Amino acid sequence: MSQYLKLGDDQSPVQLDPHSEVGAFKVVGHCAWAKPEDKITPDFLRSRVEPWLTALFQSEHLNILIGAGLSSAIQESATGTKPQGMGWIEDLKVCKAEIDSYVAKTADASGRGKGNIEDQIRSINELIKGLEILTVQNLPVPPSPPGAPSYRNLKSELVELNNELTRCLKLFSDSVSYGEKLIRDANNDLKTETFNYLVSFLISFSSRTATRDRLHIFTTNYDRIIETGAEIAGLRLIDRFVGTIAPIFRSSRLEVDYHYNPPGIRGEPRYLEGVARFTKLHGSLDWYATEGAIRRFGLPFGASSVEPFLQVETTGTANYQQLMIYPNSVKDRETSEYPYVELFRDLASATCRPNSTLVTYGYSFGDEHINRVIIDMLTIPSTHIVIIAYGDPLGRIMRFINDSGRKAQISLLLGDHFGDIKKLVDFYLPKAAIDRSSIRMAELLKSRGLYRATTSNNSGDSE
């Protein structure tokens, strides 16, 4: 598989194909920093990538957008098998042909290829709204003309569609919780190694100087893999939920933060390290709507089903239509409704400001409303986006780069080498503790008069 790399001084993505030596690469086409006959090793690539990412991660504002690629990477690393994806419901009982055709049409129009269960749920929601309008007058079904087929009973179809929506949401939530359960039940050694890499991944972004703006983590995922990794890492996440037993979603955008008082010093609180803001753009497996509010219930990671927890939180019967897990990205209708309008305001306000860097990992650029925010962000000259992905099967990432017209503000690490979370952590992501120690060591050598001599000797050798 070819790799594609674009850093600050590259005019366009550089293609790297496998070299005859295992683990190495060779340049294909024009490249300013390597020749076609050169053997490109991961260590050489690290010398280019890691300093560039380190500089970008110290931007005034740092945000990361995590897509389904992270969940897939964690599940594959922990279990050794590839995830199945979102899936597709084959046995819709009402309007199956119409719903499937509409899903295929909208998915093709958005450039996403095939539709998925999210598209089906969205289409059922829209059809229910239409049938509610058609049946609001509660008129009886008129008799059909002689010899003609009978009229459709729209009221009956509306009831069946609501039942189908509940069933689809149950299947969808079960698939998300099943992915968590596979990780929880995985081999202990593999699971420990996987979560260690996840912790290192998160810490690479969140280990910023406490006086800088906090890292803001955005995700389109419904599972709680990021929350679990943050908990293991000791990373404190700040979101819009307030409370302990059943936290409630609040619309206020107060800049709540963590501070501490140093021993022996009063009245001078300092910012606490290891704090990040967190926003789940498409809802979560443990969010539900009740009495006009959005609450989060206590769902253990890897629970086989959310049904018993929904029964406790509601009237004794699990109502899957209360789960906040079904907004889809093809249309923007859902993002204008509560609470999604608040979440996307957070995305726009966090990214669209000067000296801001956005890193995407595992995001396929299939959500047009998110892409629109990113395009708006790039209109500010001092912003930058780093795209890290395992693959681009539909070509959406390359299409976004070419259509943006802002290639100088885009860095790209694309391929099964750069997108592999283990190789990414081992070779390319900055290590905060190492960076600080390196800076102190350089200052110490410079103060002793050794740094300048070392530099001159190296430059003399290169000449």
Protein backbone atom coordinates (compact mmCIF):
# COMPACT_ATOMS: atom_id res chain seq x y z
CA MET A 1 0.00 0.00 0.00
CA SER A 2 1.29 3.46 -0.90
CA GLN A 3 1.85 6.10 1.78
CA TYR A 4 1.33 9.82 1.27
CA LEU A 5 3.20 12.47 3.22
CA LYS A 6 2.85 16.23 3.05
CA LEU A 7 4.52 18.56 5.52
CA GLY A 8 4.96 22.31 5.66
CA ASP A 9 7.39 22.79 2.76
CA ASP A 10 5.89 20.20 0.40
CA GLN A 11 3.89 21.57 -2.52
CA SER A 12 1.77 18.42 -2.81
CA PRO A 13 1.57 15.00 -1.13
CA VAL A 14 4.68 12.86 -1.68
CA GLN A 15 3.95 9.24 -2.58
CA LEU A 16 6.00 6.58 -0.79
CA ASP A 17 5.90 3.01 -2.10
CA PRO A 18 7.32 -0.07 -0.34
CA HIS A 19 11.08 -0.55 -0.80
CA SER A 20 12.68 -3.91 -1.52
CA GLU A 21 13.87 -3.85 2.09
CA VAL A 22 11.06 -4.66 4.50
CA GLY A 23 9.89 -1.65 6.50
CA ALA A 24 11.48 0.93 4.22
CA PHE A 25 10.01 3.11 1.47
CA LYS A 26 11.04 4.79 -1.77
CA VAL A 27 9.85 8.06 -3.26
CA VAL A 28 7.64 8.00 -6.34
CA GLY A 29 7.72 11.13 -8.50
CA HIS A 30 9.16 14.51 -7.65
CA CYS A 31 10.31 15.15 -4.09
CA ALA A 32 12.43 18.00 -2.74
CA TRP A 33 13.95 16.06 0.16
CA ALA A 34 14.67 12.60 -1.33
CA LYS A 35 15.60 10.91 -4.60
CA PRO A 36 13.82 7.91 -6.17
CA GLU A 37 16.80 5.64 -5.46
CA ASP A 38 16.99 6.60 -1.76
CA LYS A 39 15.92 4.17 0.94
CA ILE A 40 13.51 5.98 3.25
CA THR A 41 13.37 4.47 6.74
CA PRO A 42 10.88 5.24 9.53
CA ASP A 43 13.72 6.84 11.51
CA PHE A 44 14.40 9.24 8.64
CA LEU A 45 10.69 10.02 8.34
CA ARG A 46 10.57 10.63 12.08
CA SER A 47 13.31 13.26 11.76
CA ARG A 48 11.00 15.18 9.41
CA VAL A 49 7.57 14.48 10.88
CA GLU A 50 8.08 14.63 14.65
CA PRO A 51 9.61 18.15 14.88
CA TRP A 52 6.91 19.50 12.57
CA LEU A 53 4.12 17.98 14.67
CA THR A 54 5.80 19.17 17.87
CA ALA A 55 5.78 22.75 16.57
CA LEU A 56 2.13 22.53 15.49
CA PHE A 57 1.04 20.99 18.79
CA GLN A 58 2.31 24.11 20.56
CA SER A 59 -0.09 26.34 18.65
CA GLU A 60 -2.13 28.74 20.71
CA HIS A 61 -5.26 26.64 20.13
CA LEU A 62 -5.06 22.87 19.55
CA ASN A 63 -8.02 20.69 18.60
CA ILE A 64 -8.28 17.05 17.54
CA LEU A 65 -11.15 15.50 15.59
CA ILE A 66 -11.37 11.72 16.02
CA GLY A 67 -13.43 9.56 13.69
CA ALA A 68 -14.37 5.90 13.49
CA GLY A 69 -10.79 5.03 12.54
CA LEU A 70 -9.68 5.22 16.18
CA SER A 71 -12.36 2.77 17.34
CA SER A 72 -11.44 0.42 14.50
CA ALA A 73 -7.73 0.66 15.35
CA ILE A 74 -8.28 -0.01 19.06
CA GLN A 75 -10.64 -2.92 18.43
CA GLU A 76 -8.33 -4.53 15.86
CA SER A 77 -5.29 -4.09 18.12
CA ALA A 78 -7.06 -5.57 21.16
CA THR A 79 -8.87 -8.45 19.44
CA GLY A 80 -6.72 -9.16 16.40
CA THR A 81 -9.74 -9.02 14.08
CA LYS A 82 -11.04 -6.21 11.90
CA PRO A 83 -14.30 -4.53 12.99
CA GLN A 84 -17.43 -5.24 10.96
CA GLY A 85 -18.46 -1.61 10.48
CA MET A 86 -21.89 -0.08 10.99
CA GLY A 87 -23.76 -2.75 9.06
CA TRP A 88 -27.05 -2.73 7.20
CA ILE A 89 -30.56 -3.85 8.15
CA GLU A 90 -31.81 -6.32 5.53
CA ASP A 91 -35.27 -7.09 6.91
CA LEU A 92 -37.11 -3.77 7.11
CA LYS A 93 -40.81 -4.61 7.40
CA VAL A 94 -42.29 -1.35 6.07
CA CYS A 95 -41.43 0.64 2.93
CA LYS A 96 -38.20 -1.34 2.50
CA ALA A 97 -37.82 -0.68 -1.23
CA GLU A 98 -38.50 3.05 -0.86
CA ILE A 99 -36.15 3.47 2.12
CA ASP A 100 -33.33 1.48 0.53
CA SER A 101 -33.62 3.44 -2.74
CA TYR A 102 -33.62 6.77 -0.90
CA VAL A 103 -30.60 5.72 1.19
CA ALA A 104 -28.68 4.71 -1.94
CA LYS A 105 -29.55 8.01 -3.65
CA THR A 106 -28.49 10.25 -0.76
CA ALA A 107 -25.32 8.26 -0.03
CA ASP A 108 -24.29 8.48 -3.68
CA ALA A 109 -25.04 12.21 -3.81
CA SER A 110 -22.77 12.80 -0.82
CA GLY A 111 -19.91 10.82 -2.36
CA ARG A 112 -19.97 8.19 0.36
CA GLY A 113 -20.64 5.17 -1.84
CA LYS A 114 -22.90 2.72 -0.02
CA GLY A 115 -25.25 3.74 2.75
CA ASN A 116 -25.28 2.27 6.24
CA ILE A 117 -27.58 1.79 9.20
CA GLU A 118 -27.24 5.48 10.10
CA ASP A 119 -28.67 6.39 6.70
CA GLN A 120 -31.53 3.95 7.19
CA ILE A 121 -32.40 5.39 10.59
CA ARG A 122 -32.30 8.93 9.22
CA SER A 123 -34.55 7.97 6.30
CA ILE A 124 -37.05 6.28 8.63
CA ASN A 125 -37.11 9.42 10.78
CA GLU A 126 -37.87 11.59 7.75
CA LEU A 127 -40.56 9.20 6.52
CA ILE A 128 -42.20 9.19 9.94
CA LYS A 129 -42.36 13.00 9.88
CA GLY A 130 -44.01 12.88 6.46
CA LEU A 131 -46.59 10.28 7.51
CA GLU A 132 -47.38 12.26 10.66
CA ILE A 133 -48.26 15.22 8.44
CA LEU A 134 -50.40 13.10 6.12
CA THR A 135 -52.33 11.48 8.99
CA VAL A 136 -52.70 14.48 11.30
CA GLN A 137 -56.38 14.95 10.33
CA ASN A 138 -57.15 11.35 11.29
CA LEU A 139 -59.30 10.74 8.21
CA PRO A 140 -60.61 7.21 7.54
CA VAL A 141 -59.18 5.24 4.64
CA PRO A 142 -61.54 5.78 1.67
CA PRO A 143 -62.87 2.74 -0.19
CA SER A 144 -60.88 1.89 -3.28
CA PRO A 145 -62.49 2.05 -6.74
CA PRO A 146 -63.73 -1.24 -8.21
CA GLY A 147 -60.93 -3.27 -9.75
CA ALA A 148 -58.21 -1.00 -8.32
CA PRO A 149 -55.76 -1.94 -5.55
CA SER A 150 -56.78 -0.81 -2.08
CA TYR A 151 -55.44 2.45 -0.69
CA ARG A 152 -52.51 2.29 1.67
CA ASN A 153 -53.37 2.56 5.35
CA LEU A 154 -50.94 5.33 6.28
CA LYS A 155 -51.86 5.28 9.96
CA SER A 156 -51.05 1.60 10.19
CA GLU A 157 -47.77 2.13 8.34
CA LEU A 158 -46.89 4.97 10.72
CA VAL A 159 -47.31 2.67 13.72
CA GLU A 160 -45.21 -0.02 12.06
CA LEU A 161 -42.53 2.50 11.11
CA ASN A 162 -42.21 3.66 14.70
CA ASN A 163 -41.78 0.05 15.76
CA GLU A 164 -39.14 -0.39 13.06
CA LEU A 165 -37.33 2.74 14.23
CA THR A 166 -37.16 1.34 17.75
CA ARG A 167 -35.86 -1.98 16.43
CA CYS A 168 -33.22 -0.29 14.26
CA LEU A 169 -32.00 1.86 17.14
CA LYS A 170 -31.75 -1.24 19.32
CA LEU A 171 -29.70 -3.05 16.67
CA PHE A 172 -27.49 0.01 16.23
CA SER A 173 -26.88 0.49 19.94
CA ASP A 174 -26.22 -3.23 20.35
CA SER A 175 -23.57 -3.09 17.61
CA VAL A 176 -21.82 -0.17 19.34
CA SER A 177 -21.91 -1.84 22.76
CA TYR A 178 -20.77 -5.13 21.20
CA GLY A 179 -17.63 -3.40 19.92
CA GLU A 180 -16.90 -2.19 23.45
CA LYS A 181 -17.56 -5.68 24.83
CA LEU A 182 -15.08 -7.26 22.39
CA ILE A 183 -12.38 -4.89 23.66
CA ARG A 184 -13.26 -5.51 27.31
CA ASP A 185 -13.21 -9.31 26.86
CA ALA A 186 -9.99 -9.37 24.81
CA ASN A 187 -6.78 -11.09 25.86
CA ASN A 188 -5.34 -9.25 28.87
CA ASP A 189 -1.88 -8.77 27.37
CA LEU A 190 -3.24 -7.44 24.07
CA LYS A 191 -5.76 -5.27 25.88
CA THR A 192 -3.12 -3.80 28.19
CA GLU A 193 -0.79 -3.05 25.28
CA THR A 194 -3.64 -1.49 23.29
CA PHE A 195 -4.74 0.82 26.08
CA ASN A 196 -1.13 1.80 26.76
CA TYR A 197 -0.90 2.98 23.16
CA LEU A 198 -4.23 4.77 23.48
CA VAL A 199 -2.98 6.54 26.62
CA SER A 200 0.23 7.58 24.85
CA PHE A 201 -1.83 8.80 21.89
CA LEU A 202 -4.01 11.01 24.09
CA ILE A 203 -1.14 12.26 26.24
CA SER A 204 0.81 13.34 23.14
CA PHE A 205 -1.93 15.88 22.43
CA SER A 206 -2.98 16.84 25.94
CA SER A 207 0.50 17.43 27.43
CA ARG A 208 0.49 21.13 26.75
CA THR A 209 1.69 23.87 29.03
CA ALA A 210 -1.18 24.50 31.40
CA THR A 211 -1.26 28.23 30.66
CA ARG A 212 -2.03 27.57 26.99
CA ASP A 213 -5.55 27.03 25.74
CA ARG A 214 -6.79 23.57 26.63
CA LEU A 215 -6.78 20.78 24.07
CA HIS A 216 -10.30 20.26 22.72
CA ILE A 217 -11.17 16.70 21.67
CA PHE A 218 -14.02 16.28 19.20
CA THR A 219 -15.32 12.91 18.08
CA THR A 220 -18.07 11.57 15.84
CA ASN A 221 -17.98 8.18 17.62
CA TYR A 222 -20.77 6.86 19.83
CA ASP A 223 -18.62 4.50 21.92
CA ARG A 224 -16.68 5.44 25.08
CA ILE A 225 -13.18 4.37 24.02
CA ILE A 226 -11.79 7.90 24.35
CA GLU A 227 -13.36 8.37 27.78
CA THR A 228 -11.92 5.04 28.93
CA GLY A 229 -8.45 5.93 27.66
CA ALA A 230 -8.62 9.33 29.34
CA GLU A 231 -9.66 7.71 32.60
CA ILE A 232 -6.72 5.30 32.50
CA ALA A 233 -4.36 8.17 31.63
CA GLY A 234 -5.64 10.34 34.48
CA LEU A 235 -6.79 12.93 31.97
CA ARG A 236 -9.64 15.13 33.19
CA LEU A 237 -12.29 15.77 30.53
CA ILE A 238 -14.51 18.85 30.64
CA ASP A 239 -17.79 18.60 28.74
CA ARG A 240 -21.21 20.24 28.89
CA PHE A 241 -22.69 17.79 31.40
CA VAL A 242 -23.22 18.88 34.99
CA GLY A 243 -24.04 16.55 37.87
CA THR A 244 -23.05 13.23 39.40
CA ILE A 245 -25.90 10.70 39.49
CA ALA A 246 -27.49 11.56 36.12
CA PRO A 247 -25.50 14.48 34.65
CA ILE A 248 -27.59 16.90 32.62
CA PHE A 249 -26.53 18.63 29.41
CA ARG A 250 -26.21 22.42 29.83
CA SER A 251 -26.25 24.97 27.01
CA SER A 252 -24.14 27.54 28.86
CA ARG A 253 -20.63 27.99 27.46
CA LEU A 254 -18.87 28.95 30.66
CA GLU A 255 -15.10 28.47 30.43
CA VAL A 256 -14.99 26.06 33.38
CA ASP A 257 -11.47 24.86 34.21
CA TYR A 258 -9.37 23.13 36.86
CA HIS A 259 -6.98 25.01 39.16
CA TYR A 260 -4.98 24.15 42.25
CA ASN A 261 -3.32 26.09 45.06
CA PRO A 262 0.43 25.42 45.42
CA PRO A 263 1.48 24.46 48.98
CA GLY A 264 2.25 27.50 51.08
CA ILE A 265 0.87 29.96 48.52
CA ARG A 266 -2.60 31.41 48.96
CA GLY A 267 -4.56 33.48 46.50
CA GLU A 268 -2.52 32.42 43.46
CA PRO A 269 -4.25 29.38 41.92
CA ARG A 270 -2.47 27.75 39.01
CA TYR A 271 -3.79 25.81 36.05
CA LEU A 272 -3.80 22.05 36.50
CA GLU A 273 -2.07 19.97 33.83
CA GLY A 274 -3.74 17.00 32.15
CA VAL A 275 -7.06 18.69 31.38
CA ALA A 276 -8.90 18.65 28.05
CA ARG A 277 -12.29 19.71 26.74
CA PHE A 278 -14.42 17.00 25.18
CA THR A 279 -17.31 17.10 22.71
CA LYS A 280 -19.16 14.16 21.11
CA LEU A 281 -20.63 15.71 17.97
CA HIS A 282 -23.06 12.91 17.12
CA GLY A 283 -24.22 11.94 20.59
CA SER A 284 -23.20 8.96 22.68
CA LEU A 285 -24.29 5.48 23.66
CA ASP A 286 -25.02 6.69 27.20
CA TRP A 287 -27.01 9.84 26.34
CA TYR A 288 -30.80 9.83 26.49
CA ALA A 289 -33.57 12.39 26.22
CA THR A 290 -36.05 12.67 29.07
CA GLU A 291 -38.49 15.39 30.13
CA GLY A 292 -37.06 17.91 27.68
CA ALA A 293 -33.46 17.44 28.83
CA ILE A 294 -30.45 15.40 27.74
CA ARG A 295 -28.93 13.25 30.47
CA ARG A 296 -26.08 10.77 30.70
CA PHE A 297 -26.66 7.51 32.53
CA GLY A 298 -24.09 5.23 34.13
CA LEU A 299 -23.35 2.60 31.48
CA PRO A 300 -20.27 0.45 32.16
CA PHE A 301 -17.74 0.13 29.37
CA GLY A 302 -18.42 -3.10 27.49
CA ALA A 303 -21.99 -3.60 28.73
CA SER A 304 -23.65 -6.20 26.50
CA SER A 305 -26.80 -4.08 26.14
CA VAL A 306 -28.18 -0.71 27.17
CA GLU A 307 -31.69 -2.12 27.68
CA PRO A 308 -31.58 -2.72 31.47
CA PHE A 309 -30.12 0.73 32.04
CA LEU A 310 -32.79 2.37 29.88
CA GLN A 311 -35.45 0.50 31.85
CA VAL A 312 -34.13 2.00 35.08
CA GLU A 313 -33.90 5.52 33.66
CA THR A 314 -37.39 5.48 32.10
CA THR A 315 -40.76 4.08 33.15
CA GLY A 316 -39.65 0.45 33.24
CA THR A 317 -39.81 -0.11 29.48
CA ALA A 318 -36.71 0.53 27.40
CA ASN A 319 -37.54 3.24 24.85
CA TYR A 320 -34.68 3.19 22.35
CA GLN A 321 -36.02 6.31 20.65
CA GLN A 322 -34.75 8.24 23.67
CA LEU A 323 -31.14 7.29 22.89
CA MET A 324 -29.16 10.17 21.42
CA ILE A 325 -27.14 8.15 18.92
CA TYR A 326 -28.73 8.69 15.54
CA PRO A 327 -27.87 12.03 13.90
CA ASN A 328 -26.48 11.45 10.44
CA SER A 329 -24.08 13.62 8.51
CA VAL A 330 -25.70 13.58 5.07
CA LYS A 331 -28.06 16.44 5.88
CA ASP A 332 -27.75 19.29 8.32
CA ARG A 333 -31.27 19.03 9.70
CA GLU A 334 -30.22 17.18 12.83
CA THR A 335 -27.44 19.65 13.62
CA SER A 336 -30.00 22.44 13.94
CA GLU A 337 -31.79 20.60 16.73
CA TYR A 338 -30.97 20.41 20.41
CA PRO A 339 -28.37 19.47 21.59
CA TYR A 340 -26.44 19.17 18.32
CA VAL A 341 -26.57 22.88 17.52
CA GLU A 342 -24.66 23.53 20.75
CA LEU A 343 -22.06 20.88 19.98
CA PHE A 344 -21.38 22.22 16.50
CA ARG A 345 -21.11 25.74 17.86
CA ASP A 346 -18.35 24.40 20.08
CA LEU A 347 -16.61 22.93 17.03
CA ALA A 348 -16.82 26.16 15.04
CA SER A 349 -15.78 28.42 17.92
CA ALA A 350 -12.83 26.18 18.87
CA THR A 351 -11.40 25.82 15.37
CA CYS A 352 -12.26 29.02 13.51
CA ARG A 353 -9.86 31.40 15.25
CA PRO A 354 -6.30 32.59 14.59
CA ASN A 355 -3.27 30.45 15.49
CA SER A 356 -5.41 27.32 15.66
CA THR A 357 -4.34 23.79 14.69
CA LEU A 358 -6.78 20.97 14.01
CA VAL A 359 -5.58 17.35 13.90
CA THR A 360 -7.88 14.71 12.41
CA TYR A 361 -7.34 11.02 13.05
CA GLY A 362 -9.51 8.30 11.54
CA TYR A 363 -11.90 10.85 10.05
CA SER A 364 -12.88 10.12 6.43
CA PHE A 365 -14.22 13.60 5.55
CA GLY A 366 -17.65 12.15 4.84
CA ASP A 367 -19.56 14.62 7.02
CA GLU A 368 -20.33 17.72 4.99
CA HIS A 369 -21.30 19.89 7.95
CA ILE A 370 -17.93 19.19 9.63
CA ASN A 371 -16.07 19.75 6.35
CA ARG A 372 -17.77 23.13 6.01
CA VAL A 373 -16.46 24.20 9.41
CA ILE A 374 -12.94 23.06 8.45
CA ILE A 375 -13.10 25.00 5.17
CA ASP A 376 -14.16 28.10 7.12
CA MET A 377 -11.26 27.55 9.52
CA LEU A 378 -8.74 27.45 6.66
CA THR A 379 -9.86 30.90 5.47
CA ILE A 380 -7.87 32.22 8.46
CA PRO A 381 -4.21 32.27 7.25
CA SER A 382 -2.66 31.33 10.60
CA THR A 383 -4.66 28.09 10.98
CA HIS A 384 -3.42 24.62 10.05
CA ILE A 385 -4.90 21.14 9.72
CA VAL A 386 -3.03 17.84 10.09
CA ILE A 387 -4.82 14.88 8.48
CA ILE A 388 -3.80 11.43 9.75
CA ALA A 389 -5.64 8.47 8.26
CA TYR A 390 -5.14 4.76 7.63
CA GLY A 391 -6.64 4.89 4.14
CA ASP A 392 -8.76 6.86 1.71
CA PRO A 393 -10.78 4.25 -0.22
CA LEU A 394 -13.33 6.72 -1.59
CA GLY A 395 -10.80 9.48 -2.29
CA ARG A 396 -12.57 12.00 -0.06
CA ILE A 397 -9.42 13.13 1.74
CA MET A 398 -7.49 13.84 -1.47
CA ARG A 399 -10.56 15.52 -2.93
CA PHE A 400 -10.83 17.75 0.14
CA ILE A 401 -7.16 18.75 -0.13
CA ASN A 402 -7.42 19.55 -3.84
CA ASP A 403 -10.73 21.42 -3.52
CA SER A 404 -9.74 23.44 -0.45
CA GLY A 405 -7.29 25.67 -2.32
CA ARG A 406 -5.27 25.95 0.92
CA LYS A 407 -2.59 23.29 0.48
CA ALA A 408 0.00 25.34 2.35
CA GLN A 409 -2.16 25.06 5.49
CA ILE A 410 -2.60 21.28 5.23
CA SER A 411 -0.30 18.50 6.41
CA LEU A 412 -1.03 14.88 5.48
CA LEU A 413 0.02 11.50 6.87
CA LEU A 414 -1.95 8.92 4.91
CA GLY A 415 -1.48 5.16 4.66
CA ASP A 416 -1.38 1.96 6.68
CA HIS A 417 2.04 2.95 8.06
CA PHE A 418 1.28 6.52 9.18
CA GLY A 419 -2.30 5.65 10.19
CA ASP A 420 -1.34 2.65 12.33
CA ILE A 421 -1.77 3.87 15.89
CA LYS A 422 1.22 1.89 17.18
CA LYS A 423 3.63 3.18 14.54
CA LEU A 424 2.18 6.66 14.93
CA VAL A 425 2.87 6.65 18.67
CA ASP A 426 6.28 4.95 18.40
CA PHE A 427 7.73 7.09 15.61
CA TYR A 428 5.86 10.29 14.89
CA LEU A 429 3.83 11.76 17.74
CA PRO A 430 5.78 14.08 20.06
CA LYS A 431 6.51 12.88 23.57
CA ALA A 432 5.91 15.78 25.91
CA ALA A 433 8.21 14.61 28.70
CA ILE A 434 11.06 13.85 26.28
CA ASP A 435 10.65 17.21 24.55
CA ARG A 436 10.92 19.15 27.81
CA SER A 437 13.96 17.15 28.89
CA SER A 438 15.58 17.73 25.50
CA ILE A 439 15.04 21.46 25.80
CA ARG A 440 16.56 21.52 29.29
CA MET A 441 19.51 19.42 28.10
CA ALA A 442 20.12 21.78 25.17
CA GLU A 443 20.02 24.78 27.52
CA LEU A 444 22.48 23.07 29.88
CA LEU A 445 24.89 22.23 27.06
CA LYS A 446 24.64 25.76 25.74
CA SER A 447 25.37 27.26 29.17
CA ARG A 448 28.48 25.07 29.43
CA GLY A 449 29.70 26.10 25.98
CA LEU A 450 29.27 22.60 24.57
CA TYR A 451 26.21 23.09 22.39
CA ARG A 452 27.87 25.51 19.97
CA ALA A 453 30.92 23.27 19.56
CA THR A 454 28.76 20.23 18.90
CA THR A 455 26.74 22.12 16.31
CA SER A 456 29.84 23.42 14.51
CA ASN A 457 31.40 19.95 14.44
CA ASN A 458 28.25 18.47 12.93
CA SER A 459 28.03 21.18 10.30
CA GLY A 460 31.72 20.73 9.50
CA ASP A 461 31.23 17.02 8.99
CA SER A 462 28.33 17.63 6.66
CA GLU A 463 30.45 19.96 4.56
